[in-house]
Amino acid sequence: MITEIYLEPILLRITLYDLFFSWVLLMLGIASFYYIRKSRRAAREHELMAQTKPSKIKDLTDGPCEVSGRIRSKKKLLRSPLKGSKCVCYHFLVEEYVSSTSGGRRSGRWHTYIEDQVPSVFSVNDDTGIVDVQFDEAELHLRVTGKIESGTLNDPPKRIRKLLNERYDKDTQGFLYNKKLRYKERTLVEGEQIYIFGDTKQSGDRKIITSGEMPLIVTDAEEESIEQKRLESSKVKVGYFCAAGAIITLIFWVMSR
């Protein structure tokens, strides 16, 4: 017998069956809104990137921009966590493999264990001038410059275990054995050639590149690869599938009452 809840005084009858379908519709509605919005934003950004032509620094005007130049640090260089190399900024990612058993089958997934992106103050220069970049708002697309793995019978370097303990309050050691971890590091070094998408703005008597109509993107790859990633993101149809699922669920719910 289906459990029923009676809400007085309006005598509206709601069953657990109704509550289940309401929950499914809500989840599908939220998912479709999120993914459709994300896809449309990627489409707008790709269109803006395609319309924005590369500029020399001296020719920058307020608004969306694309520049290429060499990175220059405005303060003391950093030491990257994994390789210990000097750099202007870094992104350090450690993932842990977590295994599970379902239906007698063993599987697992990689989960973020540590993620550290250290902002820096830097500028970019070309043969016409120099401009500051507000890096703390940047979206990074960098090549992996260092990676290692550790796990059972594969101890991490002592320096890395000490680093995780002291800086991140984490450990490479599990209850009995080493945790299965993989470490990846991305860096930008002094003098490296980079591409930047962003918005040029006036700040006092100087110009800076920050996030605005165009998101601030810093990459050491060719600019076409970033445009291609945005184009691919705009074609993802997960949101529309969720919306279709919500409509089908609603129809089935109504017809089954």
Protein backbone atom coordinates (compact mmCIF):
# COMPACT_ATOMS: atom_id res chain seq x y z
CA MET A 1 0.00 0.00 0.00
CA ILE A 2 1.36 3.37 -0.98
CA THR A 3 2.02 5.58 1.98
CA GLU A 4 0.01 8.78 1.75
CA ILE A 5 0.47 12.14 3.40
CA TYR A 6 -2.55 14.39 3.85
CA LEU A 7 -1.84 18.08 4.07
CA GLU A 8 -4.62 19.89 5.92
CA PRO A 9 -6.58 22.05 5.54
CA ILE A 10 -6.46 21.96 1.72
CA LEU A 11 -6.75 18.15 1.63
CA LEU A 12 -4.04 17.82 -1.03
CA ARG A 13 -2.99 14.17 -1.33
CA ILE A 14 0.69 13.54 -2.07
CA THR A 15 2.10 10.01 -2.36
CA LEU A 16 5.71 8.85 -2.07
CA TYR A 17 5.42 8.10 -5.78
CA ASP A 18 4.73 11.80 -6.39
CA LEU A 19 7.59 12.85 -4.13
CA PHE A 20 10.00 10.61 -6.05
CA PHE A 21 9.01 12.04 -9.43
CA SER A 22 9.18 15.58 -8.02
CA TRP A 23 12.74 14.94 -6.87
CA VAL A 24 13.76 13.49 -10.25
CA LEU A 25 12.22 16.46 -12.08
CA LEU A 26 14.00 18.91 -9.78
CA MET A 27 17.41 17.25 -10.30
CA LEU A 28 16.97 17.04 -14.08
CA GLY A 29 15.80 20.66 -14.17
CA ILE A 30 18.83 21.90 -12.23
CA ALA A 31 21.21 19.83 -14.38
CA SER A 32 19.67 21.02 -17.66
CA PHE A 33 19.82 24.68 -16.54
CA TYR A 34 23.48 24.34 -15.48
CA TYR A 35 24.73 22.55 -18.60
CA ILE A 36 22.72 24.60 -21.12
CA ARG A 37 23.97 27.81 -19.48
CA LYS A 38 27.57 26.49 -19.51
CA SER A 39 27.29 25.48 -23.18
CA ARG A 40 25.88 28.85 -24.22
CA ARG A 41 28.57 30.71 -22.27
CA ALA A 42 31.25 28.66 -24.05
CA ALA A 43 29.63 29.48 -27.40
CA ARG A 44 29.64 33.22 -26.62
CA GLU A 45 33.27 33.07 -25.50
CA HIS A 46 34.31 31.16 -28.63
CA GLU A 47 32.57 33.71 -30.84
CA LEU A 48 34.28 36.55 -28.98
CA MET A 49 37.68 34.86 -29.31
CA ALA A 50 37.16 34.36 -33.04
CA GLN A 51 36.27 38.03 -33.46
CA THR A 52 39.21 39.31 -31.40
CA LYS A 53 42.41 39.63 -33.40
CA PRO A 54 45.91 39.49 -31.84
CA SER A 55 47.25 42.92 -30.89
CA LYS A 56 50.61 44.42 -30.12
CA ILE A 57 50.80 45.69 -26.56
CA LYS A 58 51.18 49.33 -27.61
CA ASP A 59 47.94 49.05 -29.61
CA LEU A 60 45.79 47.69 -26.76
CA THR A 61 42.52 49.52 -26.17
CA ASP A 62 39.85 48.98 -23.52
CA GLY A 63 37.83 45.82 -24.12
CA PRO A 64 38.47 42.22 -25.22
CA CYS A 65 42.05 41.53 -26.24
CA GLU A 66 44.45 38.82 -27.33
CA VAL A 67 48.18 39.30 -26.90
CA SER A 68 51.30 37.20 -27.11
CA GLY A 69 54.54 37.95 -25.32
CA ARG A 70 57.12 36.84 -22.82
CA ILE A 71 56.29 36.59 -19.15
CA ARG A 72 58.16 38.75 -16.64
CA SER A 73 57.84 38.38 -12.88
CA LYS A 74 57.27 41.50 -10.78
CA LYS A 75 58.44 39.91 -7.54
CA LYS A 76 60.72 37.14 -6.28
CA LEU A 77 60.44 33.92 -8.27
CA LEU A 78 58.63 30.95 -6.70
CA ARG A 79 59.83 27.38 -6.20
CA SER A 80 57.51 24.78 -7.70
CA PRO A 81 56.42 22.06 -5.23
CA LEU A 82 57.19 18.97 -7.29
CA LYS A 83 60.42 19.74 -9.16
CA GLY A 84 61.60 22.64 -7.02
CA SER A 85 62.31 24.71 -10.11
CA LYS A 86 62.17 28.50 -10.21
CA CYS A 87 58.99 29.81 -11.81
CA VAL A 88 56.67 32.79 -12.03
CA CYS A 89 53.60 30.72 -11.06
CA TYR A 90 52.56 27.09 -10.74
CA HIS A 91 49.59 24.74 -10.55
CA PHE A 92 50.14 21.63 -8.43
CA LEU A 93 47.64 18.75 -8.49
CA VAL A 94 47.71 15.52 -6.47
CA GLU A 95 45.03 12.89 -7.12
CA GLU A 96 44.27 9.81 -5.05
CA TYR A 97 42.93 6.59 -6.52
CA VAL A 98 39.97 5.41 -4.43
CA SER A 99 38.80 1.87 -5.14
CA SER A 100 35.32 0.50 -4.53
CA THR A 101 33.43 -2.76 -4.95
CA SER A 102 29.98 -2.96 -6.54
CA GLY A 103 28.16 -6.11 -7.56
CA GLY A 104 31.26 -8.19 -6.87
CA ARG A 105 33.30 -6.11 -9.29
CA ARG A 106 36.19 -3.96 -8.12
CA SER A 107 36.69 -0.54 -9.67
CA GLY A 108 37.92 2.91 -8.69
CA ARG A 109 38.26 6.55 -9.59
CA TRP A 110 40.83 9.31 -9.25
CA HIS A 111 39.81 12.05 -6.80
CA THR A 112 41.47 15.39 -6.14
CA TYR A 113 43.63 15.09 -3.03
CA ILE A 114 45.48 18.43 -3.23
CA GLU A 115 45.12 21.31 -5.67
CA ASP A 116 47.29 24.38 -5.28
CA GLN A 117 47.50 27.26 -7.73
CA VAL A 118 49.75 30.05 -6.55
CA PRO A 119 48.91 33.45 -8.03
CA SER A 120 51.68 35.80 -8.91
CA VAL A 121 52.17 39.35 -10.07
CA PHE A 122 53.60 39.40 -13.56
CA SER A 123 53.67 41.31 -16.81
CA VAL A 124 53.96 40.39 -20.43
CA ASN A 125 56.16 42.20 -22.91
CA ASP A 126 56.61 42.15 -26.67
CA ASP A 127 58.70 44.30 -28.99
CA THR A 128 56.33 47.26 -28.54
CA GLY A 129 55.79 47.48 -24.78
CA ILE A 130 54.79 45.84 -21.52
CA VAL A 131 51.44 45.24 -19.77
CA ASP A 132 50.50 43.89 -16.31
CA VAL A 133 48.25 40.86 -15.92
CA GLN A 134 45.83 40.39 -12.99
CA PHE A 135 46.73 36.75 -12.62
CA ASP A 136 44.55 35.91 -9.58
CA GLU A 137 41.51 35.83 -11.89
CA ALA A 138 43.20 33.72 -14.57
CA GLU A 139 42.09 30.41 -16.05
CA LEU A 140 45.26 28.42 -16.75
CA HIS A 141 45.82 26.10 -19.71
CA LEU A 142 49.39 24.90 -19.30
CA ARG A 143 51.39 21.87 -20.34
CA VAL A 144 52.43 19.40 -17.66
CA THR A 145 56.04 20.13 -16.71
CA GLY A 146 56.49 17.41 -14.10
CA LYS A 147 54.70 14.26 -12.95
CA ILE A 148 55.33 11.22 -10.74
CA GLU A 149 53.27 8.48 -9.09
CA SER A 150 53.51 6.67 -5.78
CA GLY A 151 51.76 3.72 -4.22
CA THR A 152 52.27 0.21 -2.91
CA LEU A 153 55.96 -0.77 -3.32
CA ASN A 154 56.55 2.64 -4.90
CA ASP A 155 57.57 5.14 -2.24
CA PRO A 156 57.44 8.86 -3.07
CA PRO A 157 60.62 10.91 -2.65
CA LYS A 158 61.17 11.88 1.00
CA ARG A 159 61.03 15.55 0.02
CA ILE A 160 57.55 15.11 -1.45
CA ARG A 161 56.20 13.33 1.63
CA LYS A 162 57.63 16.09 3.83
CA LEU A 163 56.11 18.73 1.55
CA LEU A 164 52.63 17.16 1.76
CA ASN A 165 52.90 16.89 5.54
CA GLU A 166 54.15 20.38 6.25
CA ARG A 167 52.50 22.52 3.59
CA TYR A 168 49.21 20.73 2.96
CA ASP A 169 48.71 18.68 6.15
CA LYS A 170 48.36 15.52 4.06
CA ASP A 171 50.26 12.24 3.94
CA THR A 172 51.32 9.80 1.25
CA GLN A 173 50.99 6.93 3.74
CA GLY A 174 47.71 5.13 4.34
CA PHE A 175 46.81 2.92 7.29
CA LEU A 176 49.14 0.10 6.21
CA TYR A 177 50.45 0.95 2.76
CA ASN A 178 51.26 3.96 0.63
CA LYS A 179 48.24 5.69 -0.85
CA LYS A 180 48.01 5.39 -4.62
CA LEU A 181 48.75 8.96 -5.71
CA ARG A 182 49.68 10.74 -8.90
CA TYR A 183 51.26 14.18 -8.92
CA LYS A 184 51.19 16.72 -11.74
CA GLU A 185 52.78 20.12 -11.93
CA ARG A 186 52.37 22.94 -14.44
CA THR A 187 54.59 26.01 -14.38
CA LEU A 188 55.30 29.26 -16.16
CA VAL A 189 58.95 30.29 -16.10
CA GLU A 190 60.56 33.70 -16.57
CA GLY A 191 60.84 34.63 -20.23
CA GLU A 192 58.45 31.93 -21.47
CA GLN A 193 56.27 32.76 -24.47
CA ILE A 194 52.57 32.83 -23.55
CA TYR A 195 49.20 33.78 -25.05
CA ILE A 196 46.62 35.77 -23.12
CA PHE A 197 42.91 36.33 -23.71
CA GLY A 198 41.22 38.89 -21.49
CA ASP A 199 39.91 42.42 -21.14
CA THR A 200 42.16 45.47 -21.25
CA LYS A 201 41.30 48.07 -18.63
CA GLN A 202 42.77 51.37 -17.55
CA SER A 203 44.20 51.37 -14.00
CA GLY A 204 45.53 54.81 -13.14
CA ASP A 205 48.16 55.75 -15.68
CA ARG A 206 48.68 52.20 -16.94
CA LYS A 207 46.75 49.42 -18.63
CA ILE A 208 46.17 45.96 -17.19
CA ILE A 209 44.71 42.77 -18.60
CA THR A 210 42.02 41.24 -16.41
CA SER A 211 38.78 39.26 -16.64
CA GLY A 212 35.70 40.94 -18.07
CA GLU A 213 33.57 40.38 -21.14
CA MET A 214 36.37 38.07 -22.23
CA PRO A 215 37.49 35.62 -19.49
CA LEU A 216 41.15 35.93 -18.53
CA ILE A 217 42.93 32.90 -19.98
CA VAL A 218 46.69 32.31 -19.77
CA THR A 219 48.19 29.53 -21.88
CA ASP A 220 51.54 28.31 -23.13
CA ALA A 221 49.85 26.61 -26.10
CA GLU A 222 48.78 28.12 -29.43
CA GLU A 223 45.73 30.37 -29.27
CA GLU A 224 43.86 28.14 -31.73
CA SER A 225 43.85 25.27 -29.22
CA ILE A 226 42.01 27.40 -26.64
CA GLU A 227 39.46 28.50 -29.22
CA GLN A 228 38.96 24.86 -30.20
CA LYS A 229 38.36 23.85 -26.56
CA ARG A 230 35.70 26.54 -26.21
CA LEU A 231 34.08 25.38 -29.45
CA GLU A 232 33.99 21.77 -28.22
CA SER A 233 32.48 22.88 -24.89
CA SER A 234 29.76 24.79 -26.71
CA LYS A 235 28.73 21.61 -28.56
CA VAL A 236 28.18 19.54 -25.41
CA LYS A 237 24.48 18.61 -25.36
CA VAL A 238 24.21 17.17 -21.82
CA GLY A 239 21.87 19.98 -20.79
CA TYR A 240 19.46 19.28 -23.63
CA PHE A 241 19.41 15.55 -22.82
CA CYS A 242 18.59 16.42 -19.19
CA ALA A 243 15.81 18.74 -20.36
CA ALA A 244 14.42 16.00 -22.62
CA GLY A 245 14.61 13.55 -19.71
CA ALA A 246 12.67 16.00 -17.51
CA ILE A 247 9.91 16.33 -20.14
CA ILE A 248 9.66 12.55 -20.59
CA THR A 249 9.55 12.07 -16.80
CA LEU A 250 6.80 14.67 -16.47
CA ILE A 251 4.71 13.06 -19.22
CA PHE A 252 5.12 9.60 -17.70
CA TRP A 253 4.20 10.94 -14.25
CA VAL A 254 1.05 12.65 -15.50
CA MET A 255 -0.08 9.63 -17.55
CA SER A 256 0.49 7.23 -14.65
CA ARG A 257 -1.74 9.14 -12.24
